[in-house]
Amino acid sequence: MIREVSDSTSDAQAYAWNWFALHAGQRMQLVNFWLVAVTFFGAAYVQARIGRMPAVAAGVCIAGAVASIGFALLDARTRQLVQVAEAALLRLEDARASTEDNISPRLIEAARDARASRLFSYRFIIEGMQLSLTLFVIAGILTIAGH
C-alpha cells in the first residue's frame, strides 16, 4: 500500500527540486551567454583582421580567452550546485522508495544510468566547446604573430 508522503518530505523534495531547477537553468543560460560572447569576439576579431589592426585582433583574442576562462569557472561552480541538488534528490528518492514499497520513480539514479557514456554529458560537451574556442584563440594569435 502506498503511504502519503509527509509534508516535511514534500517540502524537502520541493526545496531540492527548486534548487536543482534554478541552477540547471542558470547553467544553460551561462552557456547561452558564453555563445553570444564568442560570437561578438569572433566578429570583433574578423573586423580587426580585415581592418589590418593586428594589435586589436590580438587584444580581442586575449579578451576572448579571459572571458572563456571566466565562463568555465562559473560553469564549474554552477555544475557543483546542480550536483548538490542531485545528491539531495537521490537521498529523498531513497527515502521515498523505502516507504513506498519501491514503486517510487528513481529519476536521478535512472538519469545517471541512462547516459550511455561520458561523451553524452553536459560537462563533456560544454568543456569540448570551450577547448575548441581555446584552440581557435591560439590559432588566431599565431596567425597574427605570423604576419
N, C-alpha and C. Protein backbone atom coordinates (compact mmCIF):
# COMPACT_ATOMS: atom_id res chain seq x y z
N MET A 1 0.84 -1.18 0.00
CA MET A 1 0.00 0.00 0.00
C MET A 1 0.89 1.25 0.00
N ILE A 2 0.50 2.25 -0.76
CA ILE A 2 1.26 3.49 -0.83
C ILE A 2 0.84 4.39 0.32
N ARG A 3 1.83 4.89 1.04
CA ARG A 3 1.57 5.80 2.14
C ARG A 3 1.73 7.23 1.66
N GLU A 4 1.02 8.12 2.30
CA GLU A 4 1.16 9.54 2.00
C GLU A 4 2.55 10.01 2.41
N VAL A 5 3.13 10.84 1.60
CA VAL A 5 4.42 11.42 1.93
C VAL A 5 4.18 12.56 2.90
N SER A 6 4.98 12.63 3.94
CA SER A 6 4.79 13.68 4.93
C SER A 6 5.04 15.05 4.32
N ASP A 7 4.44 16.06 4.95
CA ASP A 7 4.63 17.43 4.47
C ASP A 7 6.09 17.83 4.47
N SER A 8 6.83 17.40 5.52
CA SER A 8 8.24 17.78 5.58
C SER A 8 9.04 17.14 4.46
N THR A 9 8.70 15.90 4.09
CA THR A 9 9.38 15.26 2.97
C THR A 9 9.02 15.95 1.66
N SER A 10 7.76 16.30 1.51
CA SER A 10 7.33 17.02 0.31
C SER A 10 8.02 18.38 0.22
N ASP A 11 8.11 19.06 1.36
CA ASP A 11 8.78 20.36 1.39
C ASP A 11 10.26 20.20 1.03
N ALA A 12 10.89 19.17 1.59
CA ALA A 12 12.31 18.94 1.29
C ALA A 12 12.50 18.62 -0.19
N GLN A 13 11.60 17.82 -0.73
CA GLN A 13 11.71 17.47 -2.14
C GLN A 13 11.48 18.70 -3.02
N ALA A 14 10.51 19.52 -2.68
CA ALA A 14 10.26 20.74 -3.45
C ALA A 14 11.45 21.68 -3.37
N TYR A 15 12.02 21.80 -2.18
CA TYR A 15 13.20 22.67 -1.99
C TYR A 15 14.37 22.17 -2.84
N ALA A 16 14.66 20.86 -2.77
CA ALA A 16 15.77 20.30 -3.54
C ALA A 16 15.51 20.44 -5.03
N TRP A 17 14.27 20.18 -5.46
CA TRP A 17 13.96 20.28 -6.88
C TRP A 17 14.09 21.73 -7.36
N ASN A 18 13.60 22.68 -6.57
CA ASN A 18 13.71 24.09 -6.96
C ASN A 18 15.17 24.52 -7.05
N TRP A 19 15.99 24.04 -6.12
CA TRP A 19 17.44 24.32 -6.14
C TRP A 19 18.03 23.77 -7.44
N PHE A 20 17.70 22.51 -7.74
CA PHE A 20 18.21 21.88 -8.96
C PHE A 20 17.77 22.66 -10.19
N ALA A 21 16.48 22.95 -10.29
CA ALA A 21 15.94 23.63 -11.47
C ALA A 21 16.57 25.01 -11.64
N LEU A 22 16.75 25.73 -10.55
CA LEU A 22 17.36 27.05 -10.61
C LEU A 22 18.78 26.97 -11.18
N HIS A 23 19.59 26.10 -10.62
CA HIS A 23 21.00 26.05 -11.02
C HIS A 23 21.19 25.36 -12.37
N ALA A 24 20.36 24.38 -12.68
CA ALA A 24 20.44 23.77 -14.02
C ALA A 24 20.06 24.80 -15.08
N GLY A 25 19.03 25.60 -14.79
CA GLY A 25 18.64 26.67 -15.71
C GLY A 25 19.73 27.73 -15.85
N GLN A 26 20.35 28.08 -14.73
CA GLN A 26 21.45 29.04 -14.77
C GLN A 26 22.60 28.51 -15.62
N ARG A 27 22.84 27.23 -15.51
CA ARG A 27 23.95 26.64 -16.28
C ARG A 27 23.68 26.76 -17.77
N MET A 28 22.47 26.49 -18.20
CA MET A 28 22.14 26.60 -19.62
C MET A 28 22.16 28.06 -20.07
N GLN A 29 21.71 28.97 -19.22
CA GLN A 29 21.79 30.41 -19.55
C GLN A 29 23.24 30.84 -19.68
N LEU A 30 24.08 30.32 -18.81
CA LEU A 30 25.50 30.65 -18.85
C LEU A 30 26.12 30.21 -20.18
N VAL A 31 25.76 29.02 -20.63
CA VAL A 31 26.26 28.53 -21.92
C VAL A 31 25.76 29.44 -23.04
N ASN A 32 24.50 29.84 -22.97
CA ASN A 32 23.96 30.74 -24.00
C ASN A 32 24.70 32.08 -24.02
N PHE A 33 24.94 32.65 -22.84
CA PHE A 33 25.68 33.91 -22.77
C PHE A 33 27.09 33.75 -23.30
N TRP A 34 27.72 32.62 -22.99
CA TRP A 34 29.07 32.36 -23.49
C TRP A 34 29.07 32.29 -25.01
N LEU A 35 28.07 31.62 -25.59
CA LEU A 35 27.99 31.52 -27.05
C LEU A 35 27.79 32.90 -27.68
N VAL A 36 26.99 33.74 -27.06
CA VAL A 36 26.81 35.11 -27.56
C VAL A 36 28.13 35.88 -27.48
N ALA A 37 28.83 35.73 -26.35
CA ALA A 37 30.12 36.41 -26.20
C ALA A 37 31.11 35.93 -27.26
N VAL A 38 31.13 34.64 -27.51
CA VAL A 38 32.03 34.08 -28.54
C VAL A 38 31.70 34.69 -29.90
N THR A 39 30.43 34.84 -30.19
CA THR A 39 30.02 35.43 -31.46
C THR A 39 30.54 36.87 -31.59
N PHE A 40 30.38 37.64 -30.52
CA PHE A 40 30.87 39.02 -30.56
C PHE A 40 32.40 39.08 -30.67
N PHE A 41 33.09 38.25 -29.92
CA PHE A 41 34.56 38.23 -30.02
C PHE A 41 35.00 37.79 -31.41
N GLY A 42 34.30 36.80 -31.96
CA GLY A 42 34.64 36.36 -33.32
C GLY A 42 34.45 37.46 -34.34
N ALA A 43 33.34 38.18 -34.24
CA ALA A 43 33.07 39.29 -35.18
C ALA A 43 34.11 40.39 -35.00
N ALA A 44 34.46 40.70 -33.75
CA ALA A 44 35.46 41.73 -33.49
C ALA A 44 36.82 41.32 -34.05
N TYR A 45 37.17 40.05 -33.90
CA TYR A 45 38.45 39.55 -34.42
C TYR A 45 38.49 39.68 -35.95
N VAL A 46 37.42 39.25 -36.60
CA VAL A 46 37.38 39.32 -38.06
C VAL A 46 37.48 40.78 -38.52
N GLN A 47 36.75 41.69 -37.87
CA GLN A 47 36.80 43.10 -38.26
C GLN A 47 38.20 43.68 -38.04
N ALA A 48 38.84 43.29 -36.95
CA ALA A 48 40.21 43.79 -36.70
C ALA A 48 41.18 43.25 -37.75
N ARG A 49 40.99 42.01 -38.15
CA ARG A 49 41.87 41.44 -39.19
C ARG A 49 41.62 42.11 -40.54
N ILE A 50 40.34 42.32 -40.87
CA ILE A 50 40.01 42.98 -42.14
C ILE A 50 40.56 44.40 -42.15
N GLY A 51 40.46 45.08 -41.02
CA GLY A 51 40.95 46.45 -40.91
C GLY A 51 42.45 46.53 -40.71
N ARG A 52 43.13 45.40 -40.76
CA ARG A 52 44.59 45.34 -40.60
C ARG A 52 45.05 46.01 -39.31
N MET A 53 44.41 45.59 -38.23
CA MET A 53 44.76 46.08 -36.90
C MET A 53 45.17 44.88 -36.04
N PRO A 54 46.40 44.39 -36.25
CA PRO A 54 46.81 43.17 -35.55
C PRO A 54 46.84 43.30 -34.03
N ALA A 55 47.15 44.48 -33.52
CA ALA A 55 47.16 44.65 -32.06
C ALA A 55 45.75 44.51 -31.49
N VAL A 56 44.78 45.07 -32.19
CA VAL A 56 43.38 44.94 -31.75
C VAL A 56 42.93 43.49 -31.86
N ALA A 57 43.29 42.83 -32.94
CA ALA A 57 42.92 41.42 -33.11
C ALA A 57 43.52 40.56 -32.00
N ALA A 58 44.77 40.83 -31.66
CA ALA A 58 45.41 40.08 -30.56
C ALA A 58 44.71 40.38 -29.24
N GLY A 59 44.36 41.64 -29.03
CA GLY A 59 43.63 42.01 -27.81
C GLY A 59 42.28 41.31 -27.72
N VAL A 60 41.59 41.20 -28.85
CA VAL A 60 40.31 40.51 -28.88
C VAL A 60 40.51 39.03 -28.54
N CYS A 61 41.56 38.43 -29.07
CA CYS A 61 41.86 37.02 -28.76
C CYS A 61 42.10 36.84 -27.26
N ILE A 62 42.89 37.73 -26.70
CA ILE A 62 43.19 37.63 -25.26
C ILE A 62 41.92 37.85 -24.43
N ALA A 63 41.13 38.85 -24.81
CA ALA A 63 39.87 39.11 -24.09
C ALA A 63 38.93 37.92 -24.20
N GLY A 64 38.87 37.31 -25.37
CA GLY A 64 38.03 36.12 -25.56
C GLY A 64 38.50 34.96 -24.71
N ALA A 65 39.82 34.79 -24.61
CA ALA A 65 40.36 33.72 -23.77
C ALA A 65 40.05 33.96 -22.30
N VAL A 66 40.22 35.19 -21.85
CA VAL A 66 39.92 35.53 -20.44
C VAL A 66 38.43 35.33 -20.16
N ALA A 67 37.58 35.76 -21.08
CA ALA A 67 36.13 35.58 -20.89
C ALA A 67 35.77 34.10 -20.85
N SER A 68 36.39 33.30 -21.71
CA SER A 68 36.10 31.87 -21.70
C SER A 68 36.56 31.19 -20.41
N ILE A 69 37.69 31.62 -19.89
CA ILE A 69 38.15 31.08 -18.61
C ILE A 69 37.15 31.44 -17.51
N GLY A 70 36.68 32.68 -17.53
CA GLY A 70 35.68 33.11 -16.55
C GLY A 70 34.40 32.29 -16.67
N PHE A 71 33.92 32.08 -17.89
CA PHE A 71 32.72 31.28 -18.09
C PHE A 71 32.96 29.83 -17.65
N ALA A 72 34.14 29.30 -17.91
CA ALA A 72 34.45 27.92 -17.49
C ALA A 72 34.42 27.80 -15.97
N LEU A 73 34.96 28.79 -15.27
CA LEU A 73 34.95 28.78 -13.81
C LEU A 73 33.51 28.89 -13.27
N LEU A 74 32.72 29.78 -13.87
CA LEU A 74 31.32 29.89 -13.46
C LEU A 74 30.55 28.60 -13.75
N ASP A 75 30.83 27.97 -14.88
CA ASP A 75 30.17 26.71 -15.21
C ASP A 75 30.54 25.62 -14.20
N ALA A 76 31.80 25.58 -13.82
CA ALA A 76 32.23 24.57 -12.83
C ALA A 76 31.50 24.78 -11.51
N ARG A 77 31.37 26.03 -11.08
CA ARG A 77 30.66 26.31 -9.82
C ARG A 77 29.18 25.96 -9.94
N THR A 78 28.56 26.32 -11.05
CA THR A 78 27.15 26.01 -11.24
C THR A 78 26.93 24.51 -11.31
N ARG A 79 27.85 23.79 -11.95
CA ARG A 79 27.78 22.33 -12.01
C ARG A 79 27.83 21.73 -10.60
N GLN A 80 28.69 22.29 -9.74
CA GLN A 80 28.75 21.82 -8.35
C GLN A 80 27.42 22.02 -7.65
N LEU A 81 26.77 23.16 -7.87
CA LEU A 81 25.49 23.44 -7.23
C LEU A 81 24.40 22.50 -7.74
N VAL A 82 24.44 22.14 -9.01
CA VAL A 82 23.49 21.17 -9.56
C VAL A 82 23.74 19.81 -8.91
N GLN A 83 25.01 19.44 -8.74
CA GLN A 83 25.33 18.15 -8.13
C GLN A 83 24.89 18.08 -6.67
N VAL A 84 24.94 19.21 -5.95
CA VAL A 84 24.44 19.25 -4.58
C VAL A 84 22.96 18.88 -4.57
N ALA A 85 22.20 19.46 -5.48
CA ALA A 85 20.77 19.16 -5.55
C ALA A 85 20.53 17.72 -5.96
N GLU A 86 21.32 17.20 -6.90
CA GLU A 86 21.17 15.80 -7.31
C GLU A 86 21.39 14.86 -6.13
N ALA A 87 22.40 15.14 -5.33
CA ALA A 87 22.67 14.30 -4.16
C ALA A 87 21.49 14.33 -3.18
N ALA A 88 20.94 15.52 -2.95
CA ALA A 88 19.79 15.64 -2.05
C ALA A 88 18.58 14.91 -2.62
N LEU A 89 18.33 15.07 -3.90
CA LEU A 89 17.20 14.40 -4.53
C LEU A 89 17.37 12.88 -4.50
N LEU A 90 18.59 12.42 -4.69
CA LEU A 90 18.86 10.98 -4.63
C LEU A 90 18.54 10.43 -3.24
N ARG A 91 18.96 11.15 -2.19
CA ARG A 91 18.64 10.72 -0.82
C ARG A 91 17.13 10.72 -0.59
N LEU A 92 16.44 11.72 -1.10
CA LEU A 92 14.99 11.76 -0.96
C LEU A 92 14.33 10.62 -1.73
N GLU A 93 14.86 10.31 -2.91
CA GLU A 93 14.33 9.17 -3.67
C GLU A 93 14.54 7.87 -2.90
N ASP A 94 15.73 7.73 -2.29
CA ASP A 94 16.00 6.53 -1.49
C ASP A 94 15.01 6.42 -0.34
N ALA A 95 14.78 7.53 0.35
CA ALA A 95 13.85 7.53 1.48
C ALA A 95 12.43 7.22 1.03
N ARG A 96 12.05 7.82 -0.07
CA ARG A 96 10.69 7.59 -0.58
C ARG A 96 10.52 6.15 -1.03
N ALA A 97 11.52 5.61 -1.70
CA ALA A 97 11.43 4.23 -2.17
C ALA A 97 11.29 3.25 -1.01
N SER A 98 11.95 3.53 0.10
CA SER A 98 11.88 2.63 1.24
C SER A 98 10.52 2.70 1.94
N THR A 99 9.80 3.79 1.76
CA THR A 99 8.49 3.92 2.41
C THR A 99 7.33 3.60 1.46
N GLU A 100 7.61 3.43 0.18
CA GLU A 100 6.54 3.21 -0.80
C GLU A 100 6.69 1.88 -1.53
N ASP A 101 7.26 0.90 -0.88
CA ASP A 101 7.39 -0.44 -1.47
C ASP A 101 8.10 -0.42 -2.82
N ASN A 102 9.08 0.46 -2.96
CA ASN A 102 9.93 0.54 -4.15
C ASN A 102 9.20 0.83 -5.46
N ILE A 103 8.07 1.51 -5.40
CA ILE A 103 7.40 1.87 -6.65
C ILE A 103 7.62 3.34 -7.02
N SER A 104 8.32 4.05 -6.15
CA SER A 104 8.61 5.45 -6.42
C SER A 104 9.59 5.56 -7.58
N PRO A 105 9.40 6.54 -8.47
CA PRO A 105 10.36 6.69 -9.57
C PRO A 105 11.74 7.08 -9.04
N ARG A 106 12.76 6.52 -9.63
CA ARG A 106 14.15 6.78 -9.24
C ARG A 106 14.80 7.57 -10.37
N LEU A 107 14.37 8.81 -10.54
CA LEU A 107 14.77 9.59 -11.71
C LEU A 107 16.25 9.97 -11.71
N ILE A 108 16.79 10.37 -10.57
CA ILE A 108 18.20 10.77 -10.52
C ILE A 108 19.09 9.58 -10.85
N GLU A 109 18.81 8.47 -10.22
CA GLU A 109 19.58 7.25 -10.50
C GLU A 109 19.41 6.81 -11.95
N ALA A 110 18.18 6.85 -12.45
CA ALA A 110 17.91 6.45 -13.83
C ALA A 110 18.62 7.38 -14.82
N ALA A 111 18.64 8.67 -14.51
CA ALA A 111 19.32 9.62 -15.40
C ALA A 111 20.81 9.33 -15.46
N ARG A 112 21.40 8.99 -14.33
CA ARG A 112 22.82 8.66 -14.31
C ARG A 112 23.09 7.37 -15.09
N ASP A 113 22.20 6.39 -14.93
CA ASP A 113 22.36 5.12 -15.63
C ASP A 113 22.07 5.23 -17.12
N ALA A 114 21.19 6.14 -17.50
CA ALA A 114 20.77 6.26 -18.90
C ALA A 114 21.86 6.83 -19.79
N ARG A 115 22.78 7.57 -19.21
CA ARG A 115 23.84 8.16 -20.02
C ARG A 115 24.74 7.04 -20.51
N ALA A 116 24.75 6.83 -21.81
CA ALA A 116 25.49 5.72 -22.40
C ALA A 116 26.99 5.85 -22.16
N SER A 117 27.48 7.07 -22.20
CA SER A 117 28.91 7.29 -21.96
C SER A 117 29.11 8.74 -21.55
N ARG A 118 30.33 9.04 -21.15
CA ARG A 118 30.70 10.40 -20.76
C ARG A 118 30.55 11.37 -21.95
N LEU A 119 30.62 10.86 -23.15
CA LEU A 119 30.51 11.69 -24.35
C LEU A 119 29.16 12.41 -24.44
N PHE A 120 28.15 11.89 -23.73
CA PHE A 120 26.82 12.48 -23.79
C PHE A 120 26.51 13.35 -22.58
N SER A 121 27.51 13.68 -21.80
CA SER A 121 27.27 14.51 -20.62
C SER A 121 27.39 15.99 -21.00
N TYR A 122 26.62 16.82 -20.28
CA TYR A 122 26.73 18.26 -20.50
C TYR A 122 28.15 18.72 -20.25
N ARG A 123 28.78 18.19 -19.24
CA ARG A 123 30.14 18.62 -18.89
C ARG A 123 31.09 18.39 -20.06
N PHE A 124 31.05 17.22 -20.65
CA PHE A 124 31.94 16.90 -21.76
C PHE A 124 31.69 17.83 -22.95
N ILE A 125 30.42 18.07 -23.25
CA ILE A 125 30.08 18.90 -24.41
C ILE A 125 30.47 20.35 -24.17
N ILE A 126 30.15 20.89 -23.00
CA ILE A 126 30.48 22.28 -22.70
C ILE A 126 31.99 22.48 -22.66
N GLU A 127 32.70 21.58 -21.99
CA GLU A 127 34.16 21.71 -21.93
C GLU A 127 34.78 21.51 -23.31
N GLY A 128 34.18 20.68 -24.14
CA GLY A 128 34.66 20.50 -25.51
C GLY A 128 34.53 21.77 -26.33
N MET A 129 33.40 22.46 -26.16
CA MET A 129 33.21 23.74 -26.86
C MET A 129 34.23 24.76 -26.38
N GLN A 130 34.47 24.79 -25.08
CA GLN A 130 35.42 25.76 -24.54
C GLN A 130 36.85 25.44 -24.99
N LEU A 131 37.19 24.17 -25.07
CA LEU A 131 38.51 23.78 -25.56
C LEU A 131 38.65 24.15 -27.04
N SER A 132 37.59 23.95 -27.81
CA SER A 132 37.63 24.33 -29.23
C SER A 132 37.89 25.82 -29.38
N LEU A 133 37.22 26.62 -28.57
CA LEU A 133 37.45 28.06 -28.64
C LEU A 133 38.89 28.40 -28.25
N THR A 134 39.41 27.73 -27.25
CA THR A 134 40.79 27.96 -26.84
C THR A 134 41.74 27.69 -28.01
N LEU A 135 41.49 26.61 -28.73
CA LEU A 135 42.34 26.28 -29.89
C LEU A 135 42.19 27.34 -30.98
N PHE A 136 40.98 27.85 -31.19
CA PHE A 136 40.78 28.93 -32.17
C PHE A 136 41.51 30.20 -31.75
N VAL A 137 41.49 30.50 -30.46
CA VAL A 137 42.19 31.69 -29.95
C VAL A 137 43.69 31.54 -30.18
N ILE A 138 44.22 30.37 -29.87
CA ILE A 138 45.66 30.13 -30.10
C ILE A 138 45.98 30.25 -31.58
N ALA A 139 45.13 29.67 -32.43
CA ALA A 139 45.36 29.78 -33.87
C ALA A 139 45.29 31.25 -34.32
N GLY A 140 44.35 32.01 -33.75
CA GLY A 140 44.24 33.43 -34.11
C GLY A 140 45.48 34.20 -33.71
N ILE A 141 45.98 33.94 -32.53
CA ILE A 141 47.20 34.64 -32.07
C ILE A 141 48.39 34.24 -32.93
N LEU A 142 48.49 32.95 -33.26
CA LEU A 142 49.61 32.50 -34.10
C LEU A 142 49.51 33.10 -35.51
N THR A 143 48.32 33.26 -36.01
CA THR A 143 48.12 33.88 -37.31
C THR A 143 48.58 35.32 -37.29
N ILE A 144 48.23 36.02 -36.21
CA ILE A 144 48.65 37.42 -36.07
C ILE A 144 50.16 37.51 -35.97
N ALA A 145 50.75 36.62 -35.17
CA ALA A 145 52.20 36.64 -34.96
C ALA A 145 52.94 36.30 -36.26
N GLY A 146 52.31 35.48 -37.11
CA GLY A 146 52.97 35.07 -38.35
C GLY A 146 52.94 36.11 -39.43
N HIS A 147 52.16 37.16 -39.27
CA HIS A 147 52.07 38.20 -40.31
C HIS A 147 52.78 39.43 -39.91
